[in-house]
Amino acid sequence: MPKQKNSGNETEIKVKTLINKIRPYLQRDGGDVEYVRMENGIVYVKLHGACVGCASADFTLKEGIEAILLEEVPGVIGVEKID
């Protein structure tokens, strides 16, 4: 288990890096996503702009952001939005 302790910061850096790569696609449509925190494998994000109240926001969150993070970052088990 010590390996996970050391990789916590590394995991968070990978998550933030990937979210920053996704952001321009959301910004193109008037939205944005902000990394808030990661706890127990769940990444918490806040949606901004056109993403707030958008009917496609949940799809973007689960099929876009979550799918990429699950595939690219070991230890991520889900993504949840907060208000």
Protein backbone atom coordinates (compact mmCIF):
# COMPACT_ATOMS: atom_id res chain seq x y z
CA MET A 1 0.00 0.00 0.00
CA PRO A 2 2.86 2.53 0.35
CA LYS A 3 2.94 2.79 -3.44
CA GLN A 4 -0.57 4.28 -3.47
CA LYS A 5 0.43 6.84 -0.88
CA ASN A 6 3.30 8.02 -3.08
CA SER A 7 1.18 7.97 -6.24
CA GLY A 8 -1.64 10.09 -4.81
CA ASN A 9 -0.07 13.34 -5.92
CA GLU A 10 0.95 11.79 -9.24
CA THR A 11 -2.62 10.62 -9.84
CA GLU A 12 -4.01 14.06 -9.11
CA ILE A 13 -1.52 15.63 -11.52
CA LYS A 14 -2.56 13.19 -14.27
CA VAL A 15 -6.24 13.96 -13.63
CA LYS A 16 -5.66 17.72 -13.78
CA THR A 17 -3.56 17.38 -16.94
CA LEU A 18 -6.27 15.39 -18.73
CA ILE A 19 -9.03 17.75 -17.60
CA ASN A 20 -6.98 20.66 -18.98
CA LYS A 21 -6.76 18.82 -22.32
CA ILE A 22 -10.56 18.35 -22.36
CA ARG A 23 -11.41 21.94 -21.39
CA PRO A 24 -10.89 23.56 -24.84
CA TYR A 25 -13.56 21.30 -26.35
CA LEU A 26 -16.08 22.41 -23.73
CA GLN A 27 -14.99 26.04 -24.00
CA ARG A 28 -15.63 25.94 -27.74
CA ASP A 29 -19.30 25.40 -26.94
CA GLY A 30 -19.40 28.03 -24.19
CA GLY A 31 -18.86 25.65 -21.26
CA ASP A 32 -16.01 24.69 -18.99
CA VAL A 33 -15.01 22.16 -16.35
CA GLU A 34 -13.02 22.75 -13.17
CA TYR A 35 -11.21 20.11 -11.12
CA VAL A 36 -12.28 20.40 -7.47
CA ARG A 37 -10.81 17.39 -5.65
CA MET A 38 -10.29 13.63 -5.69
CA GLU A 39 -11.40 11.37 -2.84
CA ASN A 40 -11.35 7.57 -2.72
CA GLY A 41 -10.96 7.28 -6.49
CA ILE A 42 -13.81 9.68 -7.28
CA VAL A 43 -12.91 12.87 -9.15
CA TYR A 44 -15.17 15.81 -8.31
CA VAL A 45 -15.58 18.51 -10.94
CA LYS A 46 -17.63 21.66 -11.31
CA LEU A 47 -19.22 22.56 -14.62
CA HIS A 48 -19.40 26.20 -15.74
CA GLY A 49 -20.96 28.32 -18.46
CA ALA A 50 -23.15 26.61 -21.02
CA CYS A 51 -22.57 23.24 -19.30
CA VAL A 52 -24.69 24.35 -16.34
CA GLY A 53 -28.22 23.16 -16.99
CA CYS A 54 -27.35 21.72 -20.41
CA ALA A 55 -29.25 18.56 -21.30
CA SER A 56 -26.01 17.00 -22.59
CA ALA A 57 -23.96 17.79 -19.47
CA ASP A 58 -24.48 14.37 -17.85
CA PHE A 59 -23.58 12.64 -21.12
CA THR A 60 -20.45 14.80 -21.47
CA LEU A 61 -19.52 14.05 -17.87
CA LYS A 62 -19.97 10.25 -18.04
CA GLU A 63 -19.22 9.40 -21.68
CA GLY A 64 -16.55 12.04 -22.13
CA ILE A 65 -14.68 13.14 -19.03
CA GLU A 66 -15.24 10.00 -16.95
CA ALA A 67 -14.50 7.61 -19.82
CA ILE A 68 -11.17 9.32 -20.54
CA LEU A 69 -10.10 9.45 -16.89
CA LEU A 70 -11.07 5.81 -16.26
CA GLU A 71 -9.02 4.73 -19.25
CA GLU A 72 -5.98 6.92 -18.67
CA VAL A 73 -5.58 7.23 -14.89
CA PRO A 74 -5.23 4.14 -12.70
CA GLY A 75 -7.09 4.61 -9.44
CA VAL A 76 -9.93 6.71 -10.83
CA ILE A 77 -13.22 4.86 -10.38
CA GLY A 78 -15.69 7.61 -11.27
CA VAL A 79 -16.39 11.28 -11.86
CA GLU A 80 -19.09 13.28 -10.09
CA LYS A 81 -20.15 16.88 -10.60
CA ILE A 82 -20.75 19.22 -7.72
CA ASP A 83 -22.72 22.46 -7.72
